[in-house]
C-alpha cells in the first residue's frame, strides 16, 4: 500500500468513526431543537392564556363597576332609610304594645266592675 492509499484509508476510517460518534450528538441536537420549539409554542400558548385571563378580569371589573356596584348602591339607598324608619318606629311599637297591655288590664277591670254593678 502506498502512503496515499494508506492516508485515504485512514481518512475514510476516521470519517466513518467520527460519523458514527457524531450521529448520537446530531440526534441529541435535533431532539433539543424540537424540545425548544415545543417550549416556545407552550410559551406562546401561555402568553395567549394570560392575555385571555387579563381580558376576562377586565370584563369582570367593568361589570362590577357598571352593573353590580350601582345595584348595591341602589339597594343601600332603599335599605338604609327603611332600616332607620324601623329603628325609629320600633320604640314606638314597644310603647304602643305596653299601652295596649295596660288598656287590656283596665278594660278587664272595668268589665268586672260593670258586671258587679249590673
C-alpha atoms as a PDB file:
ATOM      1  CA  UNK A   1       0.000   0.000   0.000  1.00  0.00           C
ATOM      2  CA  UNK A   2       1.281   3.383  -0.861  1.00  0.00           C
ATOM      3  CA  UNK A   3       1.312   6.289   1.507  1.00  0.00           C
ATOM      4  CA  UNK A   4      -1.566   7.960  -0.316  1.00  0.00           C
ATOM      5  CA  UNK A   5      -3.673   4.828  -0.176  1.00  0.00           C
ATOM      6  CA  UNK A   6      -2.840   4.428   3.472  1.00  0.00           C
ATOM      7  CA  UNK A   7      -3.742   8.055   4.153  1.00  0.00           C
ATOM      8  CA  UNK A   8      -7.025   7.673   2.234  1.00  0.00           C
ATOM      9  CA  UNK A   9      -7.858   4.516   4.144  1.00  0.00           C
ATOM     10  CA  UNK A  10      -7.098   6.233   7.444  1.00  0.00           C
ATOM     11  CA  UNK A  11      -9.110   9.266   6.387  1.00  0.00           C
ATOM     12  CA  UNK A  12     -12.081   7.060   5.482  1.00  0.00           C
ATOM     13  CA  UNK A  13     -11.754   5.200   8.770  1.00  0.00           C
ATOM     14  CA  UNK A  14     -11.608   8.472  10.731  1.00  0.00           C
ATOM     15  CA  UNK A  15     -14.603   9.859   8.792  1.00  0.00           C
ATOM     16  CA  UNK A  16     -16.544   6.681   9.468  1.00  0.00           C
ATOM     17  CA  UNK A  17     -15.674   6.731  13.184  1.00  0.00           C
ATOM     18  CA  UNK A  18     -16.492  10.436  13.505  1.00  0.00           C
ATOM     19  CA  UNK A  19     -19.781   9.945  11.680  1.00  0.00           C
ATOM     20  CA  UNK A  20     -20.691   7.066  13.985  1.00  0.00           C
ATOM     21  CA  UNK A  21     -19.780   9.083  17.068  1.00  0.00           C
ATOM     22  CA  UNK A  22     -21.425  12.276  15.836  1.00  0.00           C
ATOM     23  CA  UNK A  23     -24.758  10.601  14.994  1.00  0.00           C
ATOM     24  CA  UNK A  24     -25.934  10.453  18.646  1.00  0.00           C
ATOM     25  CA  UNK A  25     -24.842  14.071  19.101  1.00  0.00           C
ATOM     26  CA  UNK A  26     -26.722  15.116  15.971  1.00  0.00           C
ATOM     27  CA  UNK A  27     -29.808  13.262  17.209  1.00  0.00           C
ATOM     28  CA  UNK A  28     -29.489  14.930  20.610  1.00  0.00           C
ATOM     29  CA  UNK A  29     -29.233  18.339  18.930  1.00  0.00           C
ATOM     30  CA  UNK A  30     -32.341  17.560  16.816  1.00  0.00           C
ATOM     31  CA  UNK A  31     -34.203  16.455  19.940  1.00  0.00           C
ATOM     32  CA  UNK A  32     -33.134  19.611  21.750  1.00  0.00           C
ATOM     33  CA  UNK A  33     -34.277  21.772  18.847  1.00  0.00           C
ATOM     34  CA  UNK A  34     -37.634  20.014  18.864  1.00  0.00           C
ATOM     35  CA  UNK A  35     -37.928  20.467  22.640  1.00  0.00           C
ATOM     36  CA  UNK A  36     -37.080  24.153  22.263  1.00  0.00           C
ATOM     37  CA  UNK A  37     -39.736  24.548  19.576  1.00  0.00           C
ATOM     38  CA  UNK A  38     -42.291  22.832  21.818  1.00  0.00           C
ATOM     39  CA  UNK A  39     -41.315  25.091  24.715  1.00  0.00           C
ATOM     40  CA  UNK A  40     -41.635  28.156  22.513  1.00  0.00           C
ATOM     41  CA  UNK A  41     -45.097  27.035  21.424  1.00  0.00           C
ATOM     42  CA  UNK A  42     -46.119  26.369  25.021  1.00  0.00           C
ATOM     43  CA  UNK A  43     -44.797  29.809  25.929  1.00  0.00           C
ATOM     44  CA  UNK A  44     -46.893  31.387  23.157  1.00  0.00           C
ATOM     45  CA  UNK A  45     -49.919  29.431  24.333  1.00  0.00           C
ATOM     46  CA  UNK A  46     -49.332  30.532  27.919  1.00  0.00           C
ATOM     47  CA  UNK A  47     -48.980  34.151  26.827  1.00  0.00           C
ATOM     48  CA  UNK A  48     -52.278  33.853  24.984  1.00  0.00           C
ATOM     49  CA  UNK A  49     -53.891  32.275  28.035  1.00  0.00           C
ATOM     50  CA  UNK A  50     -52.581  35.109  30.191  1.00  0.00           C
ATOM     51  CA  UNK A  51     -53.970  37.644  27.715  1.00  0.00           C
ATOM     52  CA  UNK A  52     -57.339  35.877  27.816  1.00  0.00           C
ATOM     53  CA  UNK A  53     -57.317  35.886  31.608  1.00  0.00           C
ATOM     54  CA  UNK A  54     -56.451  39.591  31.655  1.00  0.00           C
ATOM     55  CA  UNK A  55     -59.326  40.310  29.271  1.00  0.00           C
ATOM     56  CA  UNK A  56     -61.684  38.273  31.438  1.00  0.00           C
ATOM     57  CA  UNK A  57     -60.552  40.176  34.527  1.00  0.00           C
ATOM     58  CA  UNK A  58     -61.120  43.496  32.736  1.00  0.00           C
ATOM     59  CA  UNK A  59     -64.617  42.353  31.757  1.00  0.00           C
ATOM     60  CA  UNK A  60     -65.365  41.289  35.328  1.00  0.00           C
ATOM     61  CA  UNK A  61     -64.063  44.589  36.705  1.00  0.00           C
ATOM     62  CA  UNK A  62     -66.161  46.542  34.219  1.00  0.00           C
ATOM     63  CA  UNK A  63     -69.243  44.520  35.098  1.00  0.00           C
ATOM     64  CA  UNK A  64     -68.650  45.077  38.801  1.00  0.00           C
ATOM     65  CA  UNK A  65     -68.137  48.780  38.209  1.00  0.00           C
ATOM     66  CA  UNK A  66     -71.035  49.289  35.799  1.00  0.00           C
ATOM     67  CA  UNK A  67     -73.676  46.830  36.991  1.00  0.00           C
ATOM     68  CA  UNK A  68     -73.051  45.397  40.424  1.00  0.00           C
ATOM     69  CA  UNK A  69     -71.845  48.494  42.298  1.00  0.00           C
ATOM     70  CA  UNK A  70     -74.746  50.667  41.095  1.00  0.00           C
ATOM     71  CA  UNK A  71     -77.201  47.918  42.067  1.00  0.00           C
ATOM     72  CA  UNK A  72     -75.630  47.620  45.506  1.00  0.00           C
ATOM     73  CA  UNK A  73     -75.807  51.398  45.912  1.00  0.00           C
ATOM     74  CA  UNK A  74     -79.469  51.329  44.875  1.00  0.00           C
ATOM     75  CA  UNK A  75     -80.201  48.610  47.431  1.00  0.00           C
ATOM     76  CA  UNK A  76     -78.364  50.587  50.104  1.00  0.00           C
ATOM     77  CA  UNK A  77     -80.249  53.759  49.201  1.00  0.00           C
ATOM     78  CA  UNK A  78     -83.502  51.912  49.845  1.00  0.00           C
ATOM     79  CA  UNK A  79     -82.401  49.731  52.740  1.00  0.00           C
ATOM     80  CA  UNK A  80     -80.750  52.352  54.939  1.00  0.00           C
ATOM     81  CA  UNK A  81     -83.772  54.670  55.157  1.00  0.00           C
ATOM     82  CA  UNK A  82     -86.077  51.694  55.690  1.00  0.00           C
ATOM     83  CA  UNK A  83     -83.888  50.367  58.483  1.00  0.00           C
ATOM     84  CA  UNK A  84     -83.772  53.798  60.115  1.00  0.00           C
ATOM     85  CA  UNK A  85     -87.574  54.036  59.906  1.00  0.00           C
ATOM     86  CA  UNK A  86     -87.846  50.602  61.506  1.00  0.00           C
ATOM     87  CA  UNK A  87     -85.374  51.597  64.182  1.00  0.00           C
ATOM     88  CA  UNK A  88     -87.315  54.800  64.909  1.00  0.00           C
ATOM     89  CA  UNK A  89     -90.690  53.076  64.964  1.00  0.00           C
ATOM     90  CA  UNK A  90     -89.601  50.017  66.931  1.00  0.00           C
ATOM     91  CA  UNK A  91     -89.526  52.102  70.137  1.00  0.00           C
ATOM     92  CA  UNK A  92     -92.979  53.474  69.317  1.00  0.00           C
ATOM     93  CA  UNK A  93     -94.293  49.966  68.662  1.00  0.00           C
ATOM     94  CA  UNK A  94     -92.975  48.777  72.026  1.00  0.00           C
ATOM     95  CA  UNK A  95     -94.609  51.760  73.741  1.00  0.00           C
ATOM     96  CA  UNK A  96     -97.895  51.065  71.918  1.00  0.00           C
ATOM     97  CA  UNK A  97     -97.727  47.411  72.978  1.00  0.00           C
ATOM     98  CA  UNK A  98     -97.262  48.468  76.588  1.00  0.00           C
ATOM     99  CA  UNK A  99    -100.236  50.838  76.236  1.00  0.00           C
ATOM    100  CA  UNK A 100    -102.373  48.057  74.702  1.00  0.00           C
ATOM    101  CA  UNK A 101    -101.447  45.681  77.523  1.00  0.00           C
ATOM    102  CA  UNK A 102    -102.403  48.366  80.056  1.00  0.00           C
ATOM    103  CA  UNK A 103    -105.691  49.002  78.224  1.00  0.00           C
ATOM    104  CA  UNK A 104    -106.489  45.280  78.332  1.00  0.00           C
ATOM    105  CA  UNK A 105    -105.955  45.256  82.087  1.00  0.00           C
ATOM    106  CA  UNK A 106    -108.091  48.365  82.588  1.00  0.00           C
ATOM    107  CA  UNK A 107    -110.863  47.060  80.302  1.00  0.00           C
ATOM    108  CA  UNK A 108    -110.855  43.730  82.126  1.00  0.00           C
ATOM    109  CA  UNK A 109    -111.115  45.517  85.489  1.00  0.00           C
ATOM    110  CA  UNK A 110    -113.881  47.814  84.271  1.00  0.00           C
ATOM    111  CA  UNK A 111    -115.731  44.877  82.717  1.00  0.00           C
ATOM    112  CA  UNK A 112    -115.587  43.094  86.064  1.00  0.00           C
ATOM    113  CA  UNK A 113    -116.812  46.187  87.915  1.00  0.00           C
ATOM    114  CA  UNK A 114    -119.619  46.730  85.387  1.00  0.00           C
ATOM    115  CA  UNK A 115    -120.744  43.140  85.780  1.00  0.00           C
ATOM    116  CA  UNK A 116    -120.681  43.513  89.539  1.00  0.00           C
ATOM    117  CA  UNK A 117    -122.852  46.608  89.261  1.00  0.00           C
ATOM    118  CA  UNK A 118    -125.413  45.042  86.967  1.00  0.00           C
END
